[in-house]
C-alpha cells in the first residue's frame, strides 16, 4: 500500500470508531466527496487538512501520518537512541539485542526512515559482534530499498567492509565500484571518500597493488580538495596501508601520523581506536627497534578497543598485533597469551587473522625450544588458510608459514606452503 492508502485507511478506521459518517467528518470545512477520496487513497491531503482531520477525529496527527501515537513515536525514538548509545559505548551485544527488539515492534512497520535507521544500526552491531554473514544479509536487504543518498553510501561502505573482512574481496570490490563507477558518479563527499577508502583496502588485500597506489593518490587529492577531517583521515589512513604493503615504511608512517592527528580532533571513539592501532602497526614495522615502546602503547589499545564499538575482528587484530610486539620485545609468555586471545576472537577458519596468530605461536614456541608444539601450530595454519580465497594477503601468510616450517626442519611441508603462496599470488 502507498502512503496515501495507509493515511486514508487510518482516517477511515478512526472515523468509524468514532461513529461518524463521511459527511459528519467533512462538515463544514470539507466536502464529503473529498473525504471519500482521501479515505480511498485517491487524494493526498495537505498538512493543513491532515491537522484539521486529526482535530475532528480527536486523535494525534502523528497517528494519521505514521500509524503511531505521539507517545509511541517518543518511545521508539528513545529506544533507538539507547541502542545507538550502547553501540557507541562498545556494548555491542546489548546494542544488537536492542536494535533487534525494536525491529520486532509492529509500530515501526510504517515508519520507513526509522525502520531503515534501525536495520542499519542492527547491521553495524551485528558486524561488531563478528557475525559478518548476518551483517551482510541485513545490508543486502537494505541495499534493495529506496534509500536517501547519504544512507545508501553508508550502507554500501559497510557492506564493502564486511565483504572485505570476511575475505570476499571480489564482492567487496564490486560493491565499492558500483557506487564509484560510471558517468553518473556523485561528487566527492566525506562519506564517498570513506567508501572509496574501503574499496582501496580491498584492492590492496586482493593484490591489485598498482591500482591501489594509483587510487590512493586520487583519494589523497580528493580529500585535500574537500579539506574535511573525515575525508583526510580516510584517505591518509588507507594510503598508509598501501605504502606499508608496497615497502614504503617511512612514507606509510607519515600518512598514518597525519591521519592520527586529524582523527584525534574528531573524537570518534571507534575510528580513533582503529587509527591508533594502524599507526602502531606501521611504526612497529618501520622502526622495529622501537618495539618495546610500541608494545606499551598496544597494551593500552587493548583496553581502548574493549570500550568502543570496534568489531570482534578489530579486537582480534589488536591482540595479534600486541602479541607480535611482545614477541619482538622478548616477552614470549605475553606473546602466547595475546596470540591465543586473538585467535579465539577471529572467525573460526574464516579469516587470515587466525592463521597469523597460529603462525606467531609457532615462532614463539620454536624460539623457546618447544619444537613439537611449534610444529603443531605451524600445521594448524593450514586449517585457517585453506578455506580462504586466493589473495595477496593469503599469499603473504602462506609464504611466512613456509619460512617457519622450513626453520622447523620440515622441508616437504615448506615446499607445499611455498607452492600455495605462489598459487595465491597467481604464479
Protein backbone atom coordinates (compact mmCIF):
# COMPACT_ATOMS: atom_id res chain seq x y z
CA UNK A 1 0.00 0.00 0.00
CA UNK A 2 1.11 3.55 -0.71
CA UNK A 3 1.48 6.21 1.96
CA UNK A 4 -1.76 7.81 0.76
CA UNK A 5 -3.56 4.45 1.04
CA UNK A 6 -2.32 3.99 4.61
CA UNK A 7 -3.26 7.53 5.69
CA UNK A 8 -6.72 7.11 4.15
CA UNK A 9 -7.20 3.77 5.85
CA UNK A 10 -6.29 5.24 9.25
CA UNK A 11 -8.72 8.14 8.78
CA UNK A 12 -11.48 5.71 7.79
CA UNK A 13 -10.76 3.40 10.74
CA UNK A 14 -10.78 6.17 13.35
CA UNK A 15 -13.88 7.79 11.79
CA UNK A 16 -15.79 4.54 12.12
CA UNK A 17 -14.52 4.05 15.68
CA UNK A 18 -15.90 7.49 16.49
CA UNK A 19 -19.25 6.62 14.87
CA UNK A 20 -19.02 9.39 12.29
CA UNK A 21 -20.17 9.43 8.67
CA UNK A 22 -18.01 10.94 5.95
CA UNK A 23 -20.41 13.88 5.73
CA UNK A 24 -20.19 14.48 9.51
CA UNK A 25 -16.39 14.38 9.41
CA UNK A 26 -16.29 16.74 6.43
CA UNK A 27 -18.78 19.38 7.62
CA UNK A 28 -18.34 22.31 7.40
CA UNK A 29 -14.77 22.78 6.15
CA UNK A 30 -14.58 19.91 3.62
CA UNK A 31 -16.86 18.09 1.22
CA UNK A 32 -17.85 14.50 1.97
CA UNK A 33 -16.69 13.51 -1.54
CA UNK A 34 -13.22 14.88 -0.76
CA UNK A 35 -13.10 12.87 2.47
CA UNK A 36 -14.14 9.80 0.46
CA UNK A 37 -11.29 10.35 -2.00
CA UNK A 38 -8.82 10.73 0.87
CA UNK A 39 -10.03 7.53 2.56
CA UNK A 40 -9.72 5.58 -0.69
CA UNK A 41 -6.14 6.81 -1.21
CA UNK A 42 -7.06 8.74 -4.37
CA UNK A 43 -6.14 12.10 -2.85
CA UNK A 44 -3.20 13.02 -0.65
CA UNK A 45 -4.34 15.51 2.00
CA UNK A 46 -2.26 18.61 2.64
CA UNK A 47 -0.63 19.02 6.07
CA UNK A 48 -3.30 21.57 6.97
CA UNK A 49 -6.13 19.17 6.05
CA UNK A 50 -4.46 16.35 7.99
CA UNK A 51 -4.20 18.55 11.06
CA UNK A 52 -7.87 19.51 10.73
CA UNK A 53 -8.94 15.86 10.40
CA UNK A 54 -6.85 14.88 13.43
CA UNK A 55 -8.66 17.55 15.48
CA UNK A 56 -12.07 16.40 14.25
CA UNK A 57 -11.24 12.74 14.96
CA UNK A 58 -9.70 13.59 18.34
CA UNK A 59 -6.50 11.66 17.53
CA UNK A 60 -2.86 12.63 17.12
CA UNK A 61 -1.54 13.95 13.84
CA UNK A 62 1.38 11.54 14.31
CA UNK A 63 -1.02 8.59 14.23
CA UNK A 64 -2.66 9.65 10.96
CA UNK A 65 0.73 10.19 9.29
CA UNK A 66 2.74 7.29 10.74
CA UNK A 67 0.27 4.90 12.30
CA UNK A 68 1.63 5.51 15.80
CA UNK A 69 0.69 7.93 18.50
CA UNK A 70 2.98 10.72 19.62
CA UNK A 71 3.71 8.72 22.78
CA UNK A 72 4.57 5.61 20.76
CA UNK A 73 6.81 7.67 18.47
CA UNK A 74 8.61 9.07 21.51
CA UNK A 75 9.13 5.54 22.86
CA UNK A 76 10.53 4.34 19.52
CA UNK A 77 12.95 7.25 19.22
CA UNK A 78 14.07 6.76 22.83
CA UNK A 79 14.67 3.03 22.26
CA UNK A 80 16.62 3.79 19.10
CA UNK A 81 18.72 6.32 21.00
CA UNK A 82 19.55 3.77 23.70
CA UNK A 83 20.55 1.18 21.06
CA UNK A 84 22.86 3.68 19.35
CA UNK A 85 24.40 4.67 22.69
CA UNK A 86 25.10 1.03 23.54
CA UNK A 87 26.84 0.60 20.18
CA UNK A 88 28.92 3.75 20.65
CA UNK A 89 29.95 2.59 24.14
CA UNK A 90 31.17 -0.77 22.87
CA UNK A 91 28.29 -2.77 24.37
CA UNK A 92 27.82 -4.44 21.01
CA UNK A 93 25.79 -7.47 22.10
CA UNK A 94 23.37 -5.28 24.06
CA UNK A 95 23.13 -2.95 21.06
CA UNK A 96 22.37 -5.87 18.78
CA UNK A 97 19.62 -7.06 21.13
CA UNK A 98 18.10 -3.57 21.42
CA UNK A 99 18.05 -3.00 17.66
CA UNK A 100 16.51 -6.44 17.08
CA UNK A 101 13.82 -5.85 19.71
CA UNK A 102 12.97 -2.51 18.16
CA UNK A 103 12.60 -4.09 14.72
CA UNK A 104 10.18 -6.62 16.21
CA UNK A 105 7.93 -3.71 17.26
CA UNK A 106 4.99 -3.63 14.85
CA UNK A 107 4.69 0.13 15.33
CA UNK A 108 7.91 0.54 13.35
CA UNK A 109 6.44 -1.01 10.20
CA UNK A 110 5.04 2.20 8.72
CA UNK A 111 7.98 4.38 9.79
CA UNK A 112 10.23 3.78 6.81
CA UNK A 113 13.11 6.07 7.75
CA UNK A 114 13.22 4.94 11.38
CA UNK A 115 12.99 1.30 10.35
CA UNK A 116 15.87 1.74 7.91
CA UNK A 117 17.90 3.51 10.59
CA UNK A 118 17.21 0.62 12.96
CA UNK A 119 18.16 -2.03 10.40
CA UNK A 120 21.39 -0.19 9.63
CA UNK A 121 22.15 0.01 13.36
CA UNK A 122 21.47 -3.72 13.67
CA UNK A 123 23.87 -4.38 10.78
CA UNK A 124 26.61 -2.34 12.50
CA UNK A 125 26.06 -4.08 15.84
CA UNK A 126 26.00 -7.50 14.16
CA UNK A 127 29.23 -6.69 12.34
CA UNK A 128 30.79 -5.54 15.62
CA UNK A 129 29.78 -8.87 17.20
CA UNK A 130 31.76 -10.66 14.48
CA UNK A 131 28.75 -12.18 12.67
CA UNK A 132 29.73 -10.92 9.22
CA UNK A 133 27.42 -13.24 7.27
CA UNK A 134 24.35 -11.96 9.09
CA UNK A 135 25.52 -8.35 8.81
CA UNK A 136 25.96 -8.80 5.06
CA UNK A 137 22.47 -10.30 4.79
CA UNK A 138 20.92 -7.27 6.54
CA UNK A 139 22.88 -4.83 4.38
CA UNK A 140 21.94 -6.60 1.16
CA UNK A 141 18.28 -6.22 2.11
CA UNK A 142 18.76 -2.51 2.81
CA UNK A 143 20.59 -2.03 -0.47
CA UNK A 144 17.45 -3.02 -2.38
CA UNK A 145 15.35 -0.30 -0.74
CA UNK A 146 14.78 3.29 -1.77
CA UNK A 147 17.34 4.99 0.45
CA UNK A 148 18.44 8.63 0.78
CA UNK A 149 21.76 9.18 -0.99
CA UNK A 150 23.82 9.57 2.18
CA UNK A 151 22.33 6.45 3.76
CA UNK A 152 22.92 4.45 0.57
CA UNK A 153 26.60 5.41 0.56
CA UNK A 154 26.90 4.40 4.24
CA UNK A 155 25.21 1.05 3.59
CA UNK A 156 27.49 0.33 0.63
CA UNK A 157 30.57 1.32 2.61
CA UNK A 158 29.76 -1.05 5.48
CA UNK A 159 28.80 -3.78 3.01
CA UNK A 160 32.13 -3.34 1.22
CA UNK A 161 33.94 -3.51 4.58
CA UNK A 162 32.05 -6.61 5.74
CA UNK A 163 32.83 -8.41 2.45
CA UNK A 164 36.48 -7.39 2.78
CA UNK A 165 36.75 -8.53 6.39
CA UNK A 166 35.22 -11.89 5.52
CA UNK A 167 37.83 -12.27 2.75
CA UNK A 168 35.23 -11.95 -0.03
CA UNK A 169 37.42 -9.50 -1.85
CA UNK A 170 35.81 -9.77 -5.27
CA UNK A 171 32.43 -8.93 -3.76
CA UNK A 172 33.98 -6.06 -1.79
CA UNK A 173 35.45 -4.57 -4.95
CA UNK A 174 32.17 -4.98 -6.85
CA UNK A 175 30.22 -3.18 -4.12
CA UNK A 176 32.67 -0.28 -3.98
CA UNK A 177 32.96 0.12 -7.72
CA UNK A 178 29.18 0.03 -8.10
CA UNK A 179 28.95 3.36 -6.25
CA UNK A 180 32.05 4.93 -7.77
CA UNK A 181 31.97 3.87 -11.41
CA UNK A 182 30.02 5.36 -14.30
CA UNK A 183 29.22 8.78 -15.67
CA UNK A 184 26.57 9.45 -13.00
CA UNK A 185 29.04 9.19 -10.13
CA UNK A 186 28.33 11.53 -7.25
CA UNK A 187 30.76 14.35 -6.44
CA UNK A 188 33.27 13.65 -3.70
CA UNK A 189 31.96 13.92 -0.15
CA UNK A 190 33.13 12.66 3.23
CA UNK A 191 31.04 9.50 3.05
CA UNK A 192 32.04 8.79 -0.55
CA UNK A 193 35.74 9.15 0.30
CA UNK A 194 35.25 6.71 3.19
CA UNK A 195 33.59 4.24 0.83
CA UNK A 196 36.42 4.70 -1.68
CA UNK A 197 39.00 4.18 1.08
CA UNK A 198 37.34 0.87 1.97
CA UNK A 199 37.45 -0.10 -1.70
CA UNK A 200 41.14 0.88 -1.75
CA UNK A 201 41.87 -1.54 1.09
CA UNK A 202 40.03 -4.29 -0.81
CA UNK A 203 42.24 -3.63 -3.86
CA UNK A 204 45.27 -3.89 -1.60
CA UNK A 205 44.19 -7.13 0.10
CA UNK A 206 43.36 -8.66 -3.27
CA UNK A 207 46.84 -7.84 -4.54
CA UNK A 208 45.95 -5.10 -7.06
CA UNK A 209 48.87 -3.03 -5.81
CA UNK A 210 49.32 -0.86 -8.91
CA UNK A 211 45.65 0.03 -8.90
CA UNK A 212 45.85 0.60 -5.14
CA UNK A 213 48.78 3.05 -5.46
CA UNK A 214 47.02 4.98 -8.22
CA UNK A 215 43.71 5.07 -6.38
CA UNK A 216 45.42 6.13 -3.13
CA UNK A 217 46.86 9.18 -4.91
CA UNK A 218 43.42 10.03 -6.32
CA UNK A 219 41.84 9.79 -2.88
CA UNK A 220 44.51 11.96 -1.28
CA UNK A 221 43.84 14.66 -3.88
CA UNK A 222 40.08 14.40 -3.33
CA UNK A 223 40.49 14.64 0.45
CA UNK A 224 42.80 17.63 0.19
CA UNK A 225 40.28 19.36 -2.08
CA UNK A 226 37.47 18.71 0.40
CA UNK A 227 39.64 19.70 3.35
CA UNK A 228 37.40 17.92 5.88
CA UNK A 229 38.70 15.82 8.80
CA UNK A 230 36.71 12.71 7.83
CA UNK A 231 37.98 12.62 4.26
CA UNK A 232 41.58 13.40 5.25
CA UNK A 233 41.57 10.62 7.86
CA UNK A 234 40.09 8.03 5.49
CA UNK A 235 42.42 8.86 2.58
CA UNK A 236 45.63 9.07 4.62
CA UNK A 237 44.82 6.02 6.71
CA UNK A 238 44.41 3.77 3.70
CA UNK A 239 47.25 5.41 1.77
CA UNK A 240 49.40 4.44 4.76
CA UNK A 241 48.32 0.81 4.46
CA UNK A 242 49.13 0.76 0.75
CA UNK A 243 52.54 2.36 1.32
CA UNK A 244 53.28 -0.20 4.02
CA UNK A 245 52.35 -3.16 1.84
CA UNK A 246 54.48 -1.85 -1.02
CA UNK A 247 57.50 -1.46 1.27
CA UNK A 248 57.49 2.32 1.72
CA UNK A 249 57.52 2.20 5.52
CA UNK A 250 58.54 5.77 6.35
CA UNK A 251 56.00 7.10 3.86
CA UNK A 252 53.42 4.83 5.47
CA UNK A 253 54.32 6.22 8.88
CA UNK A 254 53.96 9.80 7.63
CA UNK A 255 50.48 9.13 6.21
CA UNK A 256 49.43 7.32 9.39
CA UNK A 257 50.64 10.14 11.63
CA UNK A 258 48.69 12.70 9.61
CA UNK A 259 45.55 10.58 9.81
CA UNK A 260 46.01 10.06 13.55
CA UNK A 261 46.48 13.78 14.20
CA UNK A 262 43.29 14.60 12.33
CA UNK A 263 41.34 11.71 13.90
CA UNK A 264 42.28 12.89 17.38
CA UNK A 265 40.47 16.17 16.65
CA UNK A 266 37.22 14.42 15.72
CA UNK A 267 36.94 12.37 18.92
CA UNK A 268 35.09 9.48 17.25
CA UNK A 269 35.97 6.53 19.56
CA UNK A 270 35.90 3.64 17.10
CA UNK A 271 37.84 5.49 14.42
CA UNK A 272 40.34 6.75 16.97
CA UNK A 273 40.98 3.25 18.34
CA UNK A 274 41.39 1.71 14.90
CA UNK A 275 43.58 4.57 13.67
CA UNK A 276 45.85 4.25 16.70
CA UNK A 277 46.26 0.52 16.02
CA UNK A 278 47.05 1.23 12.37
CA UNK A 279 49.68 3.79 13.35
CA UNK A 280 51.30 1.44 15.86
CA UNK A 281 51.30 -1.40 13.36
CA UNK A 282 53.09 0.77 10.81
CA UNK A 283 55.52 2.05 13.40
CA UNK A 284 56.39 -1.46 14.55
CA UNK A 285 57.33 -2.45 11.00
CA UNK A 286 59.05 0.79 10.05
CA UNK A 287 61.04 1.00 13.29
CA UNK A 288 61.41 -2.43 14.90
CA UNK A 289 63.94 -1.01 17.33
CA UNK A 290 61.00 0.78 19.00
CA UNK A 291 59.14 -2.48 19.68
CA UNK A 292 59.03 -2.01 23.47
CA UNK A 293 57.54 1.48 23.23
CA UNK A 294 55.00 0.25 20.68
CA UNK A 295 54.21 -2.73 22.90
CA UNK A 296 53.35 -0.45 25.82
CA UNK A 297 51.05 1.62 23.64
CA UNK A 298 49.38 -1.50 22.24
CA UNK A 299 48.67 -2.71 25.78
CA UNK A 300 46.70 0.49 26.34
CA UNK A 301 44.98 -0.01 22.98
CA UNK A 302 43.54 -3.34 24.10
CA UNK A 303 41.52 -1.57 26.81
CA UNK A 304 40.54 1.16 24.34
CA UNK A 305 39.19 -1.40 21.87
CA UNK A 306 37.15 -3.12 24.57
CA UNK A 307 35.44 0.15 25.46
CA UNK A 308 34.37 1.15 21.94
CA UNK A 309 32.16 -0.30 19.22
CA UNK A 310 35.04 -1.99 17.42
CA UNK A 311 34.21 -5.37 15.91
CA UNK A 312 35.36 -8.78 17.11
CA UNK A 313 37.78 -8.81 14.17
CA UNK A 314 39.18 -5.43 15.24
CA UNK A 315 39.71 -6.81 18.73
CA UNK A 316 41.34 -9.94 17.36
CA UNK A 317 43.62 -7.71 15.30
CA UNK A 318 44.81 -5.63 18.27
CA UNK A 319 45.62 -8.76 20.30
CA UNK A 320 47.55 -10.34 17.43
CA UNK A 321 49.47 -7.12 16.88
CA UNK A 322 50.26 -6.87 20.59
CA UNK A 323 51.40 -10.50 20.53
CA UNK A 324 53.78 -9.62 17.70
CA UNK A 325 55.17 -6.66 19.67
CA UNK A 326 55.59 -8.83 22.78
CA UNK A 327 57.44 -11.40 20.68
CA UNK A 328 59.74 -8.77 19.21
CA UNK A 329 60.35 -7.39 22.74
CA UNK A 330 61.26 -10.86 24.06
CA UNK A 331 58.25 -11.41 26.37
CA UNK A 332 57.28 -14.81 25.00
CA UNK A 333 54.69 -15.63 27.69
CA UNK A 334 52.73 -12.46 26.90
CA UNK A 335 53.11 -13.14 23.18
CA UNK A 336 51.48 -16.55 23.64
CA UNK A 337 48.72 -15.07 25.79
CA UNK A 338 47.68 -12.41 23.29
CA UNK A 339 48.13 -14.58 20.20
CA UNK A 340 45.80 -17.13 21.79
CA UNK A 341 43.21 -14.46 22.62
CA UNK A 342 43.45 -13.04 19.11
CA UNK A 343 42.96 -16.44 17.54
CA UNK A 344 39.91 -17.12 19.75
CA UNK A 345 38.29 -13.84 18.65
CA UNK A 346 38.86 -14.40 14.92
CA UNK A 347 36.05 -16.13 12.98
CA UNK A 348 36.90 -19.82 13.13
CA UNK A 349 38.72 -20.90 9.95
CA UNK A 350 37.26 -17.96 8.04
CA UNK A 351 39.84 -15.25 8.50
CA UNK A 352 43.55 -14.85 7.88
CA UNK A 353 43.98 -13.37 11.38
CA UNK A 354 43.60 -16.83 12.86
CA UNK A 355 46.40 -18.04 10.62
CA UNK A 356 48.62 -15.12 11.61
CA UNK A 357 48.02 -15.86 15.30
CA UNK A 358 48.85 -19.55 14.82
CA UNK A 359 51.97 -18.66 12.88
CA UNK A 360 53.13 -16.34 15.67
CA UNK A 361 52.53 -19.07 18.26
CA UNK A 362 54.67 -21.42 16.19
CA UNK A 363 57.51 -18.91 16.10
CA UNK A 364 57.30 -18.24 19.85
CA UNK A 365 57.40 -21.93 20.77
CA UNK A 366 60.25 -22.51 18.35
CA UNK A 367 62.16 -19.64 19.97
CA UNK A 368 61.89 -21.26 23.42
CA UNK A 369 62.84 -24.71 22.17
CA UNK A 370 59.38 -26.31 22.31
CA UNK A 371 59.69 -27.58 18.76
CA UNK A 372 56.88 -30.14 18.85
CA UNK A 373 54.31 -27.51 19.86
CA UNK A 374 55.80 -25.14 17.31
CA UNK A 375 55.26 -27.74 14.59
CA UNK A 376 51.67 -28.33 15.73
CA UNK A 377 50.82 -24.64 15.48
CA UNK A 378 52.52 -24.34 12.10
CA UNK A 379 50.45 -27.24 10.84
CA UNK A 380 47.25 -25.69 12.23
CA UNK A 381 47.83 -22.66 10.00
CA UNK A 382 46.80 -24.83 7.04
CA UNK A 383 43.32 -25.21 8.57
CA UNK A 384 42.90 -21.44 8.70
CA UNK A 385 44.32 -20.62 5.28
CA UNK A 386 42.97 -23.47 3.13
CA UNK A 387 39.28 -22.36 3.09
CA UNK A 388 40.19 -18.77 2.19
CA UNK A 389 40.07 -17.43 -1.38
CA UNK A 390 43.33 -16.62 -3.13
CA UNK A 391 44.56 -13.13 -2.31
CA UNK A 392 47.74 -11.21 -1.80
CA UNK A 393 47.23 -11.37 1.96
CA UNK A 394 46.78 -15.15 1.91
CA UNK A 395 49.88 -15.45 -0.28
CA UNK A 396 51.90 -13.43 2.22
CA UNK A 397 50.76 -15.60 5.13
CA UNK A 398 51.43 -18.83 3.19
CA UNK A 399 54.94 -17.55 2.44
CA UNK A 400 55.58 -16.73 6.11
CA UNK A 401 54.24 -20.17 7.03
CA UNK A 402 56.62 -21.80 4.56
CA UNK A 403 59.58 -19.95 6.10
CA UNK A 404 58.53 -21.02 9.60
CA UNK A 405 58.04 -24.64 8.61
CA UNK A 406 61.38 -24.62 6.84
CA UNK A 407 63.05 -23.29 10.01
CA UNK A 408 61.47 -26.21 11.90
CA UNK A 409 63.15 -28.65 9.51
CA UNK A 410 60.08 -29.82 7.58
CA UNK A 411 61.33 -29.44 4.02
CA UNK A 412 58.35 -31.17 2.37
CA UNK A 413 55.83 -29.09 4.32
CA UNK A 414 57.74 -25.93 3.45
CA UNK A 415 57.69 -26.75 -0.26
CA UNK A 416 53.93 -27.29 -0.13
CA UNK A 417 53.41 -23.96 1.66
CA UNK A 418 55.65 -22.14 -0.85
CA UNK A 419 53.58 -23.64 -3.67
CA UNK A 420 50.36 -22.44 -2.03
CA UNK A 421 51.85 -18.96 -1.69
CA UNK A 422 52.68 -18.90 -5.40
CA UNK A 423 49.20 -20.12 -6.29
CA UNK A 424 47.55 -17.41 -4.18
CA UNK A 425 49.75 -14.83 -5.91
CA UNK A 426 48.64 -16.16 -9.29
CA UNK A 427 52.08 -17.52 -10.20
